[in-house]
């Protein structure tokens, strides 16, 4: 059974940084495409970043240059490093595997 557990969310001031983690069990993150999505109140869930089996990455235009997705194969964990955070980054962030499995999400609030 695949389980994805996100952590690392919280309250941060504009311009600050956070690192989200997605720990996987029941699967191997290096074998599948892993993604981070987010959903703000009243909005649809949107793709933020993906890392594919070969290591190539993709980002939403809104986060390019500020967010970095990576993975640690030894820890079977995927990360999302978020820098220069803006209030519009406020959302629940979800980890996804291969478009099928979802974590429960972690809340990121960017506010002064």
C-alpha atoms as a PDB file:
ATOM      1  CA  UNK A   1       0.000   0.000   0.000  1.00  0.00           C
ATOM      2  CA  UNK A   2       1.435   3.334  -1.066  1.00  0.00           C
ATOM      3  CA  UNK A   3       1.498   6.071   1.542  1.00  0.00           C
ATOM      4  CA  UNK A   4       2.750   9.607   1.053  1.00  0.00           C
ATOM      5  CA  UNK A   5       3.230  11.815   4.105  1.00  0.00           C
ATOM      6  CA  UNK A   6       3.941  15.520   3.699  1.00  0.00           C
ATOM      7  CA  UNK A   7       5.581  17.708   6.319  1.00  0.00           C
ATOM      8  CA  UNK A   8       7.318  21.048   6.645  1.00  0.00           C
ATOM      9  CA  UNK A   9       4.443  23.453   6.170  1.00  0.00           C
ATOM     10  CA  UNK A  10       3.833  26.417   8.418  1.00  0.00           C
ATOM     11  CA  UNK A  11       3.584  30.155   8.680  1.00  0.00           C
ATOM     12  CA  UNK A  12       6.307  32.214   7.010  1.00  0.00           C
ATOM     13  CA  UNK A  13       6.727  35.888   6.192  1.00  0.00           C
ATOM     14  CA  UNK A  14       6.847  37.096   2.601  1.00  0.00           C
ATOM     15  CA  UNK A  15      10.331  36.615   1.210  1.00  0.00           C
ATOM     16  CA  UNK A  16      10.994  33.687   3.512  1.00  0.00           C
ATOM     17  CA  UNK A  17      11.722  30.043   2.778  1.00  0.00           C
ATOM     18  CA  UNK A  18      10.322  26.645   3.637  1.00  0.00           C
ATOM     19  CA  UNK A  19      11.248  23.121   2.700  1.00  0.00           C
ATOM     20  CA  UNK A  20       8.484  20.578   2.300  1.00  0.00           C
ATOM     21  CA  UNK A  21       9.126  16.862   2.552  1.00  0.00           C
ATOM     22  CA  UNK A  22       7.169  13.932   1.177  1.00  0.00           C
ATOM     23  CA  UNK A  23       8.103  10.606   2.718  1.00  0.00           C
ATOM     24  CA  UNK A  24       6.949   7.592   0.715  1.00  0.00           C
ATOM     25  CA  UNK A  25       6.286   4.061   1.862  1.00  0.00           C
ATOM     26  CA  UNK A  26       5.130   1.119  -0.196  1.00  0.00           C
ATOM     27  CA  UNK A  27       6.810   2.532  -3.279  1.00  0.00           C
ATOM     28  CA  UNK A  28      10.162   3.810  -4.519  1.00  0.00           C
ATOM     29  CA  UNK A  29      10.220   7.514  -5.392  1.00  0.00           C
ATOM     30  CA  UNK A  30      13.040   7.124  -7.902  1.00  0.00           C
ATOM     31  CA  UNK A  31      10.982   4.766 -10.040  1.00  0.00           C
ATOM     32  CA  UNK A  32       7.963   7.000 -10.515  1.00  0.00           C
ATOM     33  CA  UNK A  33       7.156  10.556 -11.433  1.00  0.00           C
ATOM     34  CA  UNK A  34       6.633  12.514  -8.239  1.00  0.00           C
ATOM     35  CA  UNK A  35       4.898  15.847  -8.053  1.00  0.00           C
ATOM     36  CA  UNK A  36       3.911  18.665  -5.753  1.00  0.00           C
ATOM     37  CA  UNK A  37       0.514  20.255  -6.191  1.00  0.00           C
ATOM     38  CA  UNK A  38      -1.204  22.999  -4.264  1.00  0.00           C
ATOM     39  CA  UNK A  39      -4.726  24.161  -3.641  1.00  0.00           C
ATOM     40  CA  UNK A  40      -5.635  27.575  -2.321  1.00  0.00           C
ATOM     41  CA  UNK A  41      -9.084  28.276  -0.833  1.00  0.00           C
ATOM     42  CA  UNK A  42     -11.660  28.599  -3.605  1.00  0.00           C
ATOM     43  CA  UNK A  43      -9.183  27.473  -6.272  1.00  0.00           C
ATOM     44  CA  UNK A  44      -8.616  24.262  -8.151  1.00  0.00           C
ATOM     45  CA  UNK A  45      -5.639  22.088  -7.329  1.00  0.00           C
ATOM     46  CA  UNK A  46      -2.700  23.043  -9.516  1.00  0.00           C
ATOM     47  CA  UNK A  47       0.584  21.453 -10.416  1.00  0.00           C
ATOM     48  CA  UNK A  48       3.612  23.131  -8.868  1.00  0.00           C
ATOM     49  CA  UNK A  49       6.555  20.902  -9.778  1.00  0.00           C
ATOM     50  CA  UNK A  50       7.405  17.410 -10.930  1.00  0.00           C
ATOM     51  CA  UNK A  51      10.490  15.226 -10.924  1.00  0.00           C
ATOM     52  CA  UNK A  52      10.588  12.304 -13.288  1.00  0.00           C
ATOM     53  CA  UNK A  53      12.295   8.947 -13.188  1.00  0.00           C
ATOM     54  CA  UNK A  54      15.319  10.225 -15.073  1.00  0.00           C
ATOM     55  CA  UNK A  55      15.652  13.208 -12.777  1.00  0.00           C
ATOM     56  CA  UNK A  56      14.357  15.875 -15.121  1.00  0.00           C
ATOM     57  CA  UNK A  57      12.091  18.455 -13.548  1.00  0.00           C
ATOM     58  CA  UNK A  58       9.233  20.729 -14.547  1.00  0.00           C
ATOM     59  CA  UNK A  59       7.800  23.793 -12.825  1.00  0.00           C
ATOM     60  CA  UNK A  60       4.747  25.955 -13.043  1.00  0.00           C
ATOM     61  CA  UNK A  61       5.599  29.378 -14.452  1.00  0.00           C
ATOM     62  CA  UNK A  62       4.508  30.997 -11.197  1.00  0.00           C
ATOM     63  CA  UNK A  63       7.243  29.256  -9.187  1.00  0.00           C
ATOM     64  CA  UNK A  64      10.123  29.009 -11.679  1.00  0.00           C
ATOM     65  CA  UNK A  65      13.328  30.328 -10.220  1.00  0.00           C
ATOM     66  CA  UNK A  66      11.927  30.245  -6.671  1.00  0.00           C
ATOM     67  CA  UNK A  67      11.025  26.590  -6.015  1.00  0.00           C
ATOM     68  CA  UNK A  68      13.185  23.505  -6.445  1.00  0.00           C
ATOM     69  CA  UNK A  69      11.989  19.910  -6.417  1.00  0.00           C
ATOM     70  CA  UNK A  70      14.446  17.169  -5.519  1.00  0.00           C
ATOM     71  CA  UNK A  71      14.553  13.666  -4.138  1.00  0.00           C
ATOM     72  CA  UNK A  72      16.735  11.644  -1.796  1.00  0.00           C
ATOM     73  CA  UNK A  73      16.651   8.055  -2.987  1.00  0.00           C
ATOM     74  CA  UNK A  74      18.265   6.741   0.187  1.00  0.00           C
ATOM     75  CA  UNK A  75      15.520   8.303   2.299  1.00  0.00           C
ATOM     76  CA  UNK A  76      12.814   7.609  -0.288  1.00  0.00           C
ATOM     77  CA  UNK A  77      11.730  11.216   0.122  1.00  0.00           C
ATOM     78  CA  UNK A  78      10.877  14.054  -2.243  1.00  0.00           C
ATOM     79  CA  UNK A  79      11.438  17.682  -1.283  1.00  0.00           C
ATOM     80  CA  UNK A  80      10.166  21.062  -2.374  1.00  0.00           C
ATOM     81  CA  UNK A  81      12.466  23.922  -1.464  1.00  0.00           C
ATOM     82  CA  UNK A  82      10.480  27.145  -1.595  1.00  0.00           C
ATOM     83  CA  UNK A  83      12.313  30.470  -1.558  1.00  0.00           C
ATOM     84  CA  UNK A  84      11.172  34.068  -1.948  1.00  0.00           C
ATOM     85  CA  UNK A  85       7.710  33.084  -0.841  1.00  0.00           C
ATOM     86  CA  UNK A  86       4.777  35.317  -1.690  1.00  0.00           C
ATOM     87  CA  UNK A  87       1.322  35.611  -0.123  1.00  0.00           C
ATOM     88  CA  UNK A  88      -0.123  34.028  -3.264  1.00  0.00           C
ATOM     89  CA  UNK A  89       1.856  30.870  -2.490  1.00  0.00           C
ATOM     90  CA  UNK A  90      -0.467  30.277   0.453  1.00  0.00           C
ATOM     91  CA  UNK A  91      -2.141  26.908  -0.060  1.00  0.00           C
ATOM     92  CA  UNK A  92      -2.302  23.310   1.038  1.00  0.00           C
ATOM     93  CA  UNK A  93       0.548  21.503  -0.683  1.00  0.00           C
ATOM     94  CA  UNK A  94       0.079  17.902  -1.730  1.00  0.00           C
ATOM     95  CA  UNK A  95       2.533  15.214  -2.779  1.00  0.00           C
ATOM     96  CA  UNK A  96       1.560  12.971  -5.667  1.00  0.00           C
ATOM     97  CA  UNK A  97       2.985   9.818  -7.177  1.00  0.00           C
ATOM     98  CA  UNK A  98       2.482   9.086 -10.818  1.00  0.00           C
ATOM     99  CA  UNK A  99      -0.789  10.955 -10.900  1.00  0.00           C
ATOM    100  CA  UNK A 100      -2.423   8.285  -8.785  1.00  0.00           C
ATOM    101  CA  UNK A 101      -1.520   8.438  -5.112  1.00  0.00           C
ATOM    102  CA  UNK A 102      -1.923  11.509  -2.907  1.00  0.00           C
ATOM    103  CA  UNK A 103      -0.790  12.564   0.508  1.00  0.00           C
ATOM    104  CA  UNK A 104      -3.059  14.421   2.906  1.00  0.00           C
ATOM    105  CA  UNK A 105      -1.307  17.724   2.406  1.00  0.00           C
ATOM    106  CA  UNK A 106       0.546  20.307   4.460  1.00  0.00           C
ATOM    107  CA  UNK A 107      -0.555  23.911   4.890  1.00  0.00           C
ATOM    108  CA  UNK A 108       1.736  26.749   3.864  1.00  0.00           C
ATOM    109  CA  UNK A 109       0.720  30.238   4.914  1.00  0.00           C
ATOM    110  CA  UNK A 110       2.704  33.237   3.704  1.00  0.00           C
ATOM    111  CA  UNK A 111       1.736  36.314   5.658  1.00  0.00           C
ATOM    112  CA  UNK A 112       3.237  39.179   7.609  1.00  0.00           C
END
